[in-house]
PDB file of N, CA and C in Angstrom:
ATOM      1  N   MET A   1     -44.974 -56.167 -84.926  1.00  0.00           N
ATOM      2  CA  MET A   1     -45.538 -55.740 -83.656  1.00  0.00           C
ATOM      3  C   MET A   1     -46.205 -56.915 -82.946  1.00  0.00           C
ATOM      4  N   ASN A   2     -46.913 -57.735 -83.694  1.00  0.00           N
ATOM      5  CA  ASN A   2     -47.606 -58.862 -83.119  1.00  0.00           C
ATOM      6  C   ASN A   2     -46.616 -59.893 -82.562  1.00  0.00           C
ATOM      7  N   SER A   3     -45.508 -60.126 -83.238  1.00  0.00           N
ATOM      8  CA  SER A   3     -44.506 -61.077 -82.744  1.00  0.00           C
ATOM      9  C   SER A   3     -43.858 -60.564 -81.447  1.00  0.00           C
ATOM     10  N   ARG A   4     -43.715 -59.257 -81.335  1.00  0.00           N
ATOM     11  CA  ARG A   4     -43.177 -58.665 -80.098  1.00  0.00           C
ATOM     12  C   ARG A   4     -44.132 -58.908 -78.931  1.00  0.00           C
ATOM     13  N   PHE A   5     -45.417 -58.749 -79.195  1.00  0.00           N
ATOM     14  CA  PHE A   5     -46.427 -58.984 -78.169  1.00  0.00           C
ATOM     15  C   PHE A   5     -46.416 -60.452 -77.733  1.00  0.00           C
ATOM     16  N   VAL A   6     -46.300 -61.360 -78.680  1.00  0.00           N
ATOM     17  CA  VAL A   6     -46.256 -62.792 -78.368  1.00  0.00           C
ATOM     18  C   VAL A   6     -45.013 -63.102 -77.534  1.00  0.00           C
ATOM     19  N   GLU A   7     -43.900 -62.514 -77.892  1.00  0.00           N
ATOM     20  CA  GLU A   7     -42.659 -62.730 -77.133  1.00  0.00           C
ATOM     21  C   GLU A   7     -42.791 -62.207 -75.703  1.00  0.00           C
ATOM     22  N   LEU A   8     -43.391 -61.028 -75.522  1.00  0.00           N
ATOM     23  CA  LEU A   8     -43.612 -60.477 -74.174  1.00  0.00           C
ATOM     24  C   LEU A   8     -44.552 -61.376 -73.364  1.00  0.00           C
ATOM     25  N   GLN A   9     -45.575 -61.889 -74.019  1.00  0.00           N
ATOM     26  CA  GLN A   9     -46.528 -62.778 -73.336  1.00  0.00           C
ATOM     27  C   GLN A   9     -45.816 -64.062 -72.891  1.00  0.00           C
ATOM     28  N   ARG A  10     -44.953 -64.618 -73.751  1.00  0.00           N
ATOM     29  CA  ARG A  10     -44.197 -65.817 -73.399  1.00  0.00           C
ATOM     30  C   ARG A  10     -43.253 -65.540 -72.228  1.00  0.00           C
ATOM     31  N   ARG A  11     -42.609 -64.400 -72.275  1.00  0.00           N
ATOM     32  CA  ARG A  11     -41.675 -64.017 -71.197  1.00  0.00           C
ATOM     33  C   ARG A  11     -42.427 -63.830 -69.876  1.00  0.00           C
ATOM     34  N   LYS A  12     -43.601 -63.225 -69.949  1.00  0.00           N
ATOM     35  CA  LYS A  12     -44.427 -63.020 -68.750  1.00  0.00           C
ATOM     36  C   LYS A  12     -44.829 -64.364 -68.149  1.00  0.00           C
ATOM     37  N   THR A  13     -45.227 -65.295 -68.972  1.00  0.00           N
ATOM     38  CA  THR A  13     -45.620 -66.624 -68.498  1.00  0.00           C
ATOM     39  C   THR A  13     -44.438 -67.333 -67.843  1.00  0.00           C
ATOM     40  N   ALA A  14     -43.270 -67.241 -68.458  1.00  0.00           N
ATOM     41  CA  ALA A  14     -42.073 -67.883 -67.900  1.00  0.00           C
ATOM     42  C   ALA A  14     -41.712 -67.276 -66.549  1.00  0.00           C
ATOM     43  N   LEU A  15     -41.788 -65.961 -66.447  1.00  0.00           N
ATOM     44  CA  LEU A  15     -41.469 -65.297 -65.176  1.00  0.00           C
ATOM     45  C   LEU A  15     -42.494 -65.636 -64.095  1.00  0.00           C
ATOM     46  N   THR A  16     -43.760 -65.734 -64.473  1.00  0.00           N
ATOM     47  CA  THR A  16     -44.804 -66.096 -63.517  1.00  0.00           C
ATOM     48  C   THR A  16     -44.559 -67.499 -62.978  1.00  0.00           C
ATOM     49  N   MET A  17     -44.187 -68.428 -63.841  1.00  0.00           N
ATOM     50  CA  MET A  17     -43.888 -69.792 -63.405  1.00  0.00           C
ATOM     51  C   MET A  17     -42.656 -69.818 -62.499  1.00  0.00           C
ATOM     52  N   GLN A  18     -41.653 -69.033 -62.820  1.00  0.00           N
ATOM     53  CA  GLN A  18     -40.453 -68.966 -61.993  1.00  0.00           C
ATOM     54  C   GLN A  18     -40.787 -68.398 -60.614  1.00  0.00           C
ATOM     55  N   CYS A  19     -41.644 -67.394 -60.581  1.00  0.00           N
ATOM     56  CA  CYS A  19     -42.062 -66.814 -59.288  1.00  0.00           C
ATOM     57  C   CYS A  19     -42.776 -67.861 -58.439  1.00  0.00           C
ATOM     58  N   GLY A  20     -43.617 -68.670 -59.062  1.00  0.00           N
ATOM     59  CA  GLY A  20     -44.314 -69.732 -58.331  1.00  0.00           C
ATOM     60  C   GLY A  20     -43.335 -70.732 -57.729  1.00  0.00           C
ATOM     61  N   ARG A  21     -42.329 -71.137 -58.506  1.00  0.00           N
ATOM     62  CA  ARG A  21     -41.314 -72.063 -57.985  1.00  0.00           C
ATOM     63  C   ARG A  21     -40.525 -71.419 -56.843  1.00  0.00           C
ATOM     64  N   ASP A  22     -40.192 -70.158 -57.014  1.00  0.00           N
ATOM     65  CA  ASP A  22     -39.442 -69.459 -55.968  1.00  0.00           C
ATOM     66  C   ASP A  22     -40.255 -69.354 -54.679  1.00  0.00           C
ATOM     67  N   ARG A  23     -41.548 -69.084 -54.810  1.00  0.00           N
ATOM     68  CA  ARG A  23     -42.410 -69.003 -53.620  1.00  0.00           C
ATOM     69  C   ARG A  23     -42.482 -70.341 -52.898  1.00  0.00           C
ATOM     70  N   GLU A  24     -42.591 -71.422 -53.655  1.00  0.00           N
ATOM     71  CA  GLU A  24     -42.634 -72.747 -53.039  1.00  0.00           C
ATOM     72  C   GLU A  24     -41.334 -73.047 -52.301  1.00  0.00           C
ATOM     73  N   ARG A  25     -40.222 -72.728 -52.910  1.00  0.00           N
ATOM     74  CA  ARG A  25     -38.921 -72.963 -52.272  1.00  0.00           C
ATOM     75  C   ARG A  25     -38.761 -72.107 -51.013  1.00  0.00           C
ATOM     76  N   LEU A  26     -39.192 -70.855 -51.090  1.00  0.00           N
ATOM     77  CA  LEU A  26     -39.130 -69.975 -49.918  1.00  0.00           C
ATOM     78  C   LEU A  26     -40.016 -70.508 -48.790  1.00  0.00           C
ATOM     79  N   ALA A  27     -41.188 -71.033 -49.128  1.00  0.00           N
ATOM     80  CA  ALA A  27     -42.070 -71.600 -48.112  1.00  0.00           C
ATOM     81  C   ALA A  27     -41.414 -72.804 -47.432  1.00  0.00           C
ATOM     82  N   GLU A  28     -40.707 -73.635 -48.200  1.00  0.00           N
ATOM     83  CA  GLU A  28     -40.001 -74.776 -47.609  1.00  0.00           C
ATOM     84  C   GLU A  28     -38.910 -74.309 -46.649  1.00  0.00           C
ATOM     85  N   VAL A  29     -38.151 -73.324 -47.067  1.00  0.00           N
ATOM     86  CA  VAL A  29     -37.060 -72.819 -46.227  1.00  0.00           C
ATOM     87  C   VAL A  29     -37.629 -72.175 -44.958  1.00  0.00           C
ATOM     88  N   MET A  30     -38.665 -71.393 -45.093  1.00  0.00           N
ATOM     89  CA  MET A  30     -39.252 -70.716 -43.931  1.00  0.00           C
ATOM     90  C   MET A  30     -39.907 -71.707 -42.977  1.00  0.00           C
ATOM     91  N   ALA A  31     -40.472 -72.797 -43.495  1.00  0.00           N
ATOM     92  CA  ALA A  31     -41.048 -73.816 -42.618  1.00  0.00           C
ATOM     93  C   ALA A  31     -39.958 -74.419 -41.734  1.00  0.00           C
ATOM     94  N   HIS A  32     -38.763 -74.570 -42.289  1.00  0.00           N
ATOM     95  CA  HIS A  32     -37.636 -75.094 -41.516  1.00  0.00           C
ATOM     96  C   HIS A  32     -37.207 -74.106 -40.427  1.00  0.00           C
ATOM     97  N   TRP A  33     -37.286 -72.816 -40.680  1.00  0.00           N
ATOM     98  CA  TRP A  33     -36.815 -71.792 -39.749  1.00  0.00           C
ATOM     99  C   TRP A  33     -37.892 -71.256 -38.827  1.00  0.00           C
ATOM    100  N   LYS A  34     -39.128 -71.682 -39.001  1.00  0.00           N
ATOM    101  CA  LYS A  34     -40.228 -71.091 -38.224  1.00  0.00           C
ATOM    102  C   LYS A  34     -40.028 -71.270 -36.721  1.00  0.00           C
ATOM    103  N   ARG A  35     -39.713 -72.482 -36.295  1.00  0.00           N
ATOM    104  CA  ARG A  35     -39.575 -72.746 -34.867  1.00  0.00           C
ATOM    105  C   ARG A  35     -38.432 -71.943 -34.226  1.00  0.00           C
ATOM    106  N   PRO A  36     -37.232 -71.935 -34.814  1.00  0.00           N
ATOM    107  CA  PRO A  36     -36.162 -71.118 -34.214  1.00  0.00           C
ATOM    108  C   PRO A  36     -36.504 -69.628 -34.198  1.00  0.00           C
ATOM    109  N   LEU A  37     -37.187 -69.159 -35.226  1.00  0.00           N
ATOM    110  CA  LEU A  37     -37.540 -67.741 -35.257  1.00  0.00           C
ATOM    111  C   LEU A  37     -38.559 -67.388 -34.184  1.00  0.00           C
ATOM    112  N   VAL A  38     -39.446 -68.324 -33.856  1.00  0.00           N
ATOM    113  CA  VAL A  38     -40.407 -68.080 -32.776  1.00  0.00           C
ATOM    114  C   VAL A  38     -39.665 -67.922 -31.451  1.00  0.00           C
ATOM    115  N   TRP A  39     -38.670 -68.772 -31.216  1.00  0.00           N
ATOM    116  CA  TRP A  39     -37.889 -68.663 -29.984  1.00  0.00           C
ATOM    117  C   TRP A  39     -37.125 -67.345 -29.914  1.00  0.00           C
ATOM    118  N   ILE A  40     -36.569 -66.937 -31.033  1.00  0.00           N
ATOM    119  CA  ILE A  40     -35.847 -65.666 -31.068  1.00  0.00           C
ATOM    120  C   ILE A  40     -36.797 -64.512 -30.794  1.00  0.00           C
ATOM    121  N   ASP A  41     -37.992 -64.578 -31.351  1.00  0.00           N
ATOM    122  CA  ASP A  41     -38.984 -63.525 -31.128  1.00  0.00           C
ATOM    123  C   ASP A  41     -39.396 -63.473 -29.661  1.00  0.00           C
ATOM    124  N   ARG A  42     -39.604 -64.632 -29.054  1.00  0.00           N
ATOM    125  CA  ARG A  42     -39.975 -64.660 -27.627  1.00  0.00           C
ATOM    126  C   ARG A  42     -38.845 -64.120 -26.758  1.00  0.00           C
ATOM    127  N   ALA A  43     -37.615 -64.468 -27.087  1.00  0.00           N
ATOM    128  CA  ALA A  43     -36.478 -63.956 -26.315  1.00  0.00           C
ATOM    129  C   ALA A  43     -36.383 -62.440 -26.445  1.00  0.00           C
ATOM    130  N   ALA A  44     -36.618 -61.928 -27.636  1.00  0.00           N
ATOM    131  CA  ALA A  44     -36.586 -60.474 -27.835  1.00  0.00           C
ATOM    132  C   ALA A  44     -37.697 -59.798 -27.041  1.00  0.00           C
ATOM    133  N   GLN A  45     -38.867 -60.416 -26.991  1.00  0.00           N
ATOM    134  CA  GLN A  45     -39.958 -59.856 -26.192  1.00  0.00           C
ATOM    135  C   GLN A  45     -39.600 -59.874 -24.713  1.00  0.00           C
ATOM    136  N   GLY A  46     -38.949 -60.950 -24.253  1.00  0.00           N
ATOM    137  CA  GLY A  46     -38.541 -61.033 -22.855  1.00  0.00           C
ATOM    138  C   GLY A  46     -37.518 -59.963 -22.503  1.00  0.00           C
ATOM    139  N   VAL A  47     -36.557 -59.759 -23.370  1.00  0.00           N
ATOM    140  CA  VAL A  47     -35.554 -58.713 -23.135  1.00  0.00           C
ATOM    141  C   VAL A  47     -36.219 -57.350 -23.116  1.00  0.00           C
ATOM    142  N   SER A  48     -37.156 -57.135 -24.023  1.00  0.00           N
ATOM    143  CA  SER A  48     -37.877 -55.865 -24.051  1.00  0.00           C
ATOM    144  C   SER A  48     -38.658 -55.648 -22.753  1.00  0.00           C
ATOM    145  N   TYR A  49     -39.289 -56.711 -22.253  1.00  0.00           N
ATOM    146  CA  TYR A  49     -40.036 -56.606 -20.996  1.00  0.00           C
ATOM    147  C   TYR A  49     -39.094 -56.270 -19.839  1.00  0.00           C
ATOM    148  N   LEU A  50     -37.952 -56.949 -19.783  1.00  0.00           N
ATOM    149  CA  LEU A  50     -37.005 -56.681 -18.704  1.00  0.00           C
ATOM    150  C   LEU A  50     -36.436 -55.267 -18.789  1.00  0.00           C
ATOM    151  N   LYS A  51     -36.220 -54.768 -20.008  1.00  0.00           N
ATOM    152  CA  LYS A  51     -35.730 -53.402 -20.160  1.00  0.00           C
ATOM    153  C   LYS A  51     -36.785 -52.397 -19.704  1.00  0.00           C
ATOM    154  N   ALA A  52     -38.044 -52.745 -19.876  1.00  0.00           N
ATOM    155  CA  ALA A  52     -39.126 -51.848 -19.464  1.00  0.00           C
ATOM    156  C   ALA A  52     -39.384 -51.915 -17.955  1.00  0.00           C
ATOM    157  N   HIS A  53     -38.865 -52.948 -17.276  1.00  0.00           N
ATOM    158  CA  HIS A  53     -39.108 -53.117 -15.840  1.00  0.00           C
ATOM    159  C   HIS A  53     -37.795 -53.323 -15.082  1.00  0.00           C
ATOM    160  N   PRO A  54     -36.955 -52.295 -15.027  1.00  0.00           N
ATOM    161  CA  PRO A  54     -35.662 -52.458 -14.349  1.00  0.00           C
ATOM    162  C   PRO A  54     -35.800 -52.676 -12.843  1.00  0.00           C
ATOM    163  N   LEU A  55     -36.869 -52.189 -12.242  1.00  0.00           N
ATOM    164  CA  LEU A  55     -37.074 -52.390 -10.813  1.00  0.00           C
ATOM    165  C   LEU A  55     -37.250 -53.874 -10.500  1.00  0.00           C
ATOM    166  N   LEU A  56     -37.945 -54.569 -11.358  1.00  0.00           N
ATOM    167  CA  LEU A  56     -38.134 -56.006 -11.182  1.00  0.00           C
ATOM    168  C   LEU A  56     -36.795 -56.733 -11.252  1.00  0.00           C
ATOM    169  N   VAL A  57     -35.986 -56.400 -12.235  1.00  0.00           N
ATOM    170  CA  VAL A  57     -34.672 -57.041 -12.391  1.00  0.00           C
ATOM    171  C   VAL A  57     -33.799 -56.749 -11.176  1.00  0.00           C
ATOM    172  N   ALA A  58     -33.759 -55.504 -10.750  1.00  0.00           N
ATOM    173  CA  ALA A  58     -32.938 -55.132  -9.596  1.00  0.00           C
ATOM    174  C   ALA A  58     -33.419 -55.841  -8.329  1.00  0.00           C
ATOM    175  N   SER A  59     -34.722 -55.979  -8.182  1.00  0.00           N
ATOM    176  CA  SER A  59     -35.267 -56.657  -6.994  1.00  0.00           C
ATOM    177  C   SER A  59     -34.866 -58.128  -6.965  1.00  0.00           C
ATOM    178  N   VAL A  60     -34.959 -58.788  -8.088  1.00  0.00           N
ATOM    179  CA  VAL A  60     -34.603 -60.210  -8.142  1.00  0.00           C
ATOM    180  C   VAL A  60     -33.118 -60.395  -7.865  1.00  0.00           C
ATOM    181  N   VAL A  61     -32.286 -59.577  -8.483  1.00  0.00           N
ATOM    182  CA  VAL A  61     -30.844 -59.693  -8.271  1.00  0.00           C
ATOM    183  C   VAL A  61     -30.494 -59.402  -6.820  1.00  0.00           C
ATOM    184  N   ALA A  62     -31.066 -58.358  -6.247  1.00  0.00           N
ATOM    185  CA  ALA A  62     -30.786 -58.019  -4.850  1.00  0.00           C
ATOM    186  C   ALA A  62     -31.302 -59.109  -3.912  1.00  0.00           C
ATOM    187  N   GLY A  63     -32.465 -59.652  -4.228  1.00  0.00           N
ATOM    188  CA  GLY A  63     -33.012 -60.732  -3.401  1.00  0.00           C
ATOM    189  C   GLY A  63     -32.111 -61.953  -3.382  1.00  0.00           C
ATOM    190  N   PHE A  64     -31.620 -62.343  -4.536  1.00  0.00           N
ATOM    191  CA  PHE A  64     -30.690 -63.470  -4.582  1.00  0.00           C
ATOM    192  C   PHE A  64     -29.410 -63.146  -3.818  1.00  0.00           C
ATOM    193  N   GLY A  65     -28.966 -61.926  -3.931  1.00  0.00           N
ATOM    194  CA  GLY A  65     -27.764 -61.534  -3.207  1.00  0.00           C
ATOM    195  C   GLY A  65     -27.960 -61.591  -1.706  1.00  0.00           C
ATOM    196  N   LEU A  66     -29.114 -61.162  -1.234  1.00  0.00           N
ATOM    197  CA  LEU A  66     -29.376 -61.205   0.206  1.00  0.00           C
ATOM    198  C   LEU A  66     -29.563 -62.631   0.700  1.00  0.00           C
ATOM    199  N   ILE A  67     -30.230 -63.448  -0.072  1.00  0.00           N
ATOM    200  CA  ILE A  67     -30.447 -64.832   0.351  1.00  0.00           C
ATOM    201  C   ILE A  67     -29.121 -65.590   0.360  1.00  0.00           C
ATOM    202  N   ARG A  68     -28.360 -65.405  -0.691  1.00  0.00           N
ATOM    203  CA  ARG A  68     -27.107 -66.145  -0.829  1.00  0.00           C
ATOM    204  C   ARG A  68     -26.049 -65.626   0.141  1.00  0.00           C
ATOM    205  N   GLY A  69     -25.903 -64.332   0.226  1.00  0.00           N
ATOM    206  CA  GLY A  69     -24.946 -63.737   1.153  1.00  0.00           C
ATOM    207  C   GLY A  69     -23.530 -64.223   0.927  1.00  0.00           C
ATOM    208  N   ARG A  70     -22.702 -64.134   1.949  1.00  0.00           N
ATOM    209  CA  ARG A  70     -21.312 -64.580   1.839  1.00  0.00           C
ATOM    210  C   ARG A  70     -21.179 -66.060   2.127  1.00  0.00           C
ATOM    211  N   GLY A  71     -22.118 -66.627   2.833  1.00  0.00           N
ATOM    212  CA  GLY A  71     -21.990 -68.021   3.266  1.00  0.00           C
ATOM    213  C   GLY A  71     -22.396 -69.032   2.224  1.00  0.00           C
ATOM    214  N   GLY A  72     -22.715 -68.623   1.036  1.00  0.00           N
ATOM    215  CA  GLY A  72     -23.116 -69.577   0.008  1.00  0.00           C
ATOM    216  C   GLY A  72     -24.628 -69.711  -0.036  1.00  0.00           C
ATOM    217  N   ALA A  73     -25.086 -70.872  -0.439  1.00  0.00           N
ATOM    218  CA  ALA A  73     -26.513 -71.078  -0.658  1.00  0.00           C
ATOM    219  C   ALA A  73     -27.260 -71.419   0.625  1.00  0.00           C
ATOM    220  N   GLN A  74     -26.563 -71.609   1.765  1.00  0.00           N
ATOM    221  CA  GLN A  74     -27.254 -71.955   2.998  1.00  0.00           C
ATOM    222  C   GLN A  74     -28.100 -70.775   3.472  1.00  0.00           C
ATOM    223  N   SER A  75     -29.318 -71.075   3.816  1.00  0.00           N
ATOM    224  CA  SER A  75     -30.222 -70.034   4.300  1.00  0.00           C
ATOM    225  C   SER A  75     -30.357 -70.156   5.807  1.00  0.00           C
ATOM    226  N   SER A  76     -30.587 -69.058   6.461  1.00  0.00           N
ATOM    227  CA  SER A  76     -30.798 -69.076   7.899  1.00  0.00           C
ATOM    228  C   SER A  76     -31.987 -68.185   8.220  1.00  0.00           C
ATOM    229  N   PRO A  77     -32.587 -68.375   9.395  1.00  0.00           N
ATOM    230  CA  PRO A  77     -33.722 -67.521   9.753  1.00  0.00           C
ATOM    231  C   PRO A  77     -33.351 -66.044   9.802  1.00  0.00           C
ATOM    232  N   GLY A  78     -32.131 -65.748  10.210  1.00  0.00           N
ATOM    233  CA  GLY A  78     -31.703 -64.350  10.252  1.00  0.00           C
ATOM    234  C   GLY A  78     -31.661 -63.732   8.870  1.00  0.00           C
ATOM    235  N   LYS A  79     -31.201 -64.484   7.897  1.00  0.00           N
ATOM    236  CA  LYS A  79     -31.167 -63.979   6.533  1.00  0.00           C
ATOM    237  C   LYS A  79     -32.576 -63.778   5.997  1.00  0.00           C
ATOM    238  N   SER A  80     -33.475 -64.692   6.331  1.00  0.00           N
ATOM    239  CA  SER A  80     -34.859 -64.557   5.867  1.00  0.00           C
ATOM    240  C   SER A  80     -35.504 -63.306   6.448  1.00  0.00           C
ATOM    241  N   ARG A  81     -35.288 -63.063   7.727  1.00  0.00           N
ATOM    242  CA  ARG A  81     -35.840 -61.848   8.336  1.00  0.00           C
ATOM    243  C   ARG A  81     -35.232 -60.602   7.710  1.00  0.00           C
ATOM    244  N   SER A  82     -33.924 -60.651   7.472  1.00  0.00           N
ATOM    245  CA  SER A  82     -33.255 -59.520   6.843  1.00  0.00           C
ATOM    246  C   SER A  82     -33.813 -59.267   5.454  1.00  0.00           C
ATOM    247  N   LEU A  83     -34.025 -60.338   4.705  1.00  0.00           N
ATOM    248  CA  LEU A  83     -34.601 -60.199   3.361  1.00  0.00           C
ATOM    249  C   LEU A  83     -35.997 -59.600   3.445  1.00  0.00           C
ATOM    250  N   TRP A  84     -36.803 -60.057   4.391  1.00  0.00           N
ATOM    251  CA  TRP A  84     -38.160 -59.545   4.501  1.00  0.00           C
ATOM    252  C   TRP A  84     -38.144 -58.071   4.887  1.00  0.00           C
ATOM    253  N   ARG A  85     -37.269 -57.679   5.809  1.00  0.00           N
ATOM    254  CA  ARG A  85     -37.186 -56.271   6.197  1.00  0.00           C
ATOM    255  C   ARG A  85     -36.774 -55.391   5.027  1.00  0.00           C
ATOM    256  N   TRP A  86     -35.908 -55.917   4.174  1.00  0.00           N
ATOM    257  CA  TRP A  86     -35.455 -55.174   3.006  1.00  0.00           C
ATOM    258  C   TRP A  86     -36.523 -55.152   1.920  1.00  0.00           C
ATOM    259  N   ALA A  87     -37.214 -56.267   1.724  1.00  0.00           N
ATOM    260  CA  ALA A  87     -38.156 -56.390   0.611  1.00  0.00           C
ATOM    261  C   ALA A  87     -39.504 -55.737   0.896  1.00  0.00           C
ATOM    262  N   LYS A  88     -39.893 -55.647   2.144  1.00  0.00           N
ATOM    263  CA  LYS A  88     -41.217 -55.123   2.478  1.00  0.00           C
ATOM    264  C   LYS A  88     -41.440 -53.710   1.924  1.00  0.00           C
ATOM    265  N   PRO A  89     -40.552 -52.743   2.139  1.00  0.00           N
ATOM    266  CA  PRO A  89     -40.783 -51.422   1.553  1.00  0.00           C
ATOM    267  C   PRO A  89     -40.714 -51.436   0.020  1.00  0.00           C
ATOM    268  N   LEU A  90     -39.850 -52.276  -0.510  1.00  0.00           N
ATOM    269  CA  LEU A  90     -39.750 -52.374  -1.963  1.00  0.00           C
ATOM    270  C   LEU A  90     -41.043 -52.917  -2.561  1.00  0.00           C
ATOM    271  N   LEU A  91     -41.611 -53.925  -1.930  1.00  0.00           N
ATOM    272  CA  LEU A  91     -42.877 -54.486  -2.413  1.00  0.00           C
ATOM    273  C   LEU A  91     -44.009 -53.468  -2.306  1.00  0.00           C
ATOM    274  N   ALA A  92     -43.969 -52.638  -1.287  1.00  0.00           N
ATOM    275  CA  ALA A  92     -45.002 -51.612  -1.137  1.00  0.00           C
ATOM    276  C   ALA A  92     -44.990 -50.653  -2.322  1.00  0.00           C
ATOM    277  N   VAL A  93     -43.819 -50.429  -2.893  1.00  0.00           N
ATOM    278  CA  VAL A  93     -43.702 -49.558  -4.057  1.00  0.00           C
ATOM    279  C   VAL A  93     -43.957 -50.334  -5.349  1.00  0.00           C
ATOM    280  N   ALA A  94     -43.421 -51.546  -5.431  1.00  0.00           N
ATOM    281  CA  ALA A  94     -43.446 -52.297  -6.691  1.00  0.00           C
ATOM    282  C   ALA A  94     -44.817 -52.900  -7.002  1.00  0.00           C
ATOM    283  N   LEU A  95     -45.531 -53.391  -5.994  1.00  0.00           N
ATOM    284  CA  LEU A  95     -46.811 -54.064  -6.274  1.00  0.00           C
ATOM    285  C   LEU A  95     -47.851 -53.153  -6.920  1.00  0.00           C
ATOM    286  N   PRO A  96     -48.027 -51.913  -6.469  1.00  0.00           N
ATOM    287  CA  PRO A  96     -48.974 -51.050  -7.188  1.00  0.00           C
ATOM    288  C   PRO A  96     -48.565 -50.804  -8.636  1.00  0.00           C
ATOM    289  N   LEU A  97     -47.264 -50.726  -8.891  1.00  0.00           N
ATOM    290  CA  LEU A  97     -46.810 -50.535 -10.272  1.00  0.00           C
ATOM    291  C   LEU A  97     -47.121 -51.763 -11.126  1.00  0.00           C
ATOM    292  N   VAL A  98     -46.920 -52.938 -10.568  1.00  0.00           N
ATOM    293  CA  VAL A  98     -47.180 -54.177 -11.303  1.00  0.00           C
ATOM    294  C   VAL A  98     -48.677 -54.339 -11.551  1.00  0.00           C
ATOM    295  N   ARG A  99     -49.482 -53.975 -10.601  1.00  0.00           N
ATOM    296  CA  ARG A  99     -50.936 -54.127 -10.774  1.00  0.00           C
ATOM    297  C   ARG A  99     -51.487 -53.234 -11.886  1.00  0.00           C
ATOM    298  N   LYS A 100     -50.802 -52.126 -12.188  1.00  0.00           N
ATOM    299  CA  LYS A 100     -51.237 -51.245 -13.260  1.00  0.00           C
ATOM    300  C   LYS A 100     -51.052 -51.876 -14.627  1.00  0.00           C
ATOM    301  N   LEU A 101     -50.159 -52.851 -14.727  1.00  0.00           N
ATOM    302  CA  LEU A 101     -49.905 -53.506 -16.015  1.00  0.00           C
ATOM    303  C   LEU A 101     -51.090 -54.269 -16.371  1.00  0.00           C
TER     304      LEU A 101
END
């Protein structure tokens, strides 16, 4: 019985040492991946924010569409006035919602 106990104690010590080595190796690997994982986490948070605010996404896309128009990237005073006439009612609705955040 005593030899069995000694064998279990030896096995426990060996496993504890192996766990320590494994933890050190895992820490090295995770240190290498920490920076990319932070970027992935931030991107996921950004996507989550955009999914929660579809009005914001639609406004930006529509705004670019109105500014760009058919003529390309050239802007004109008429396009700016048109954009303002379109955006003014939208901003009246969107700004109170944004301020609640």
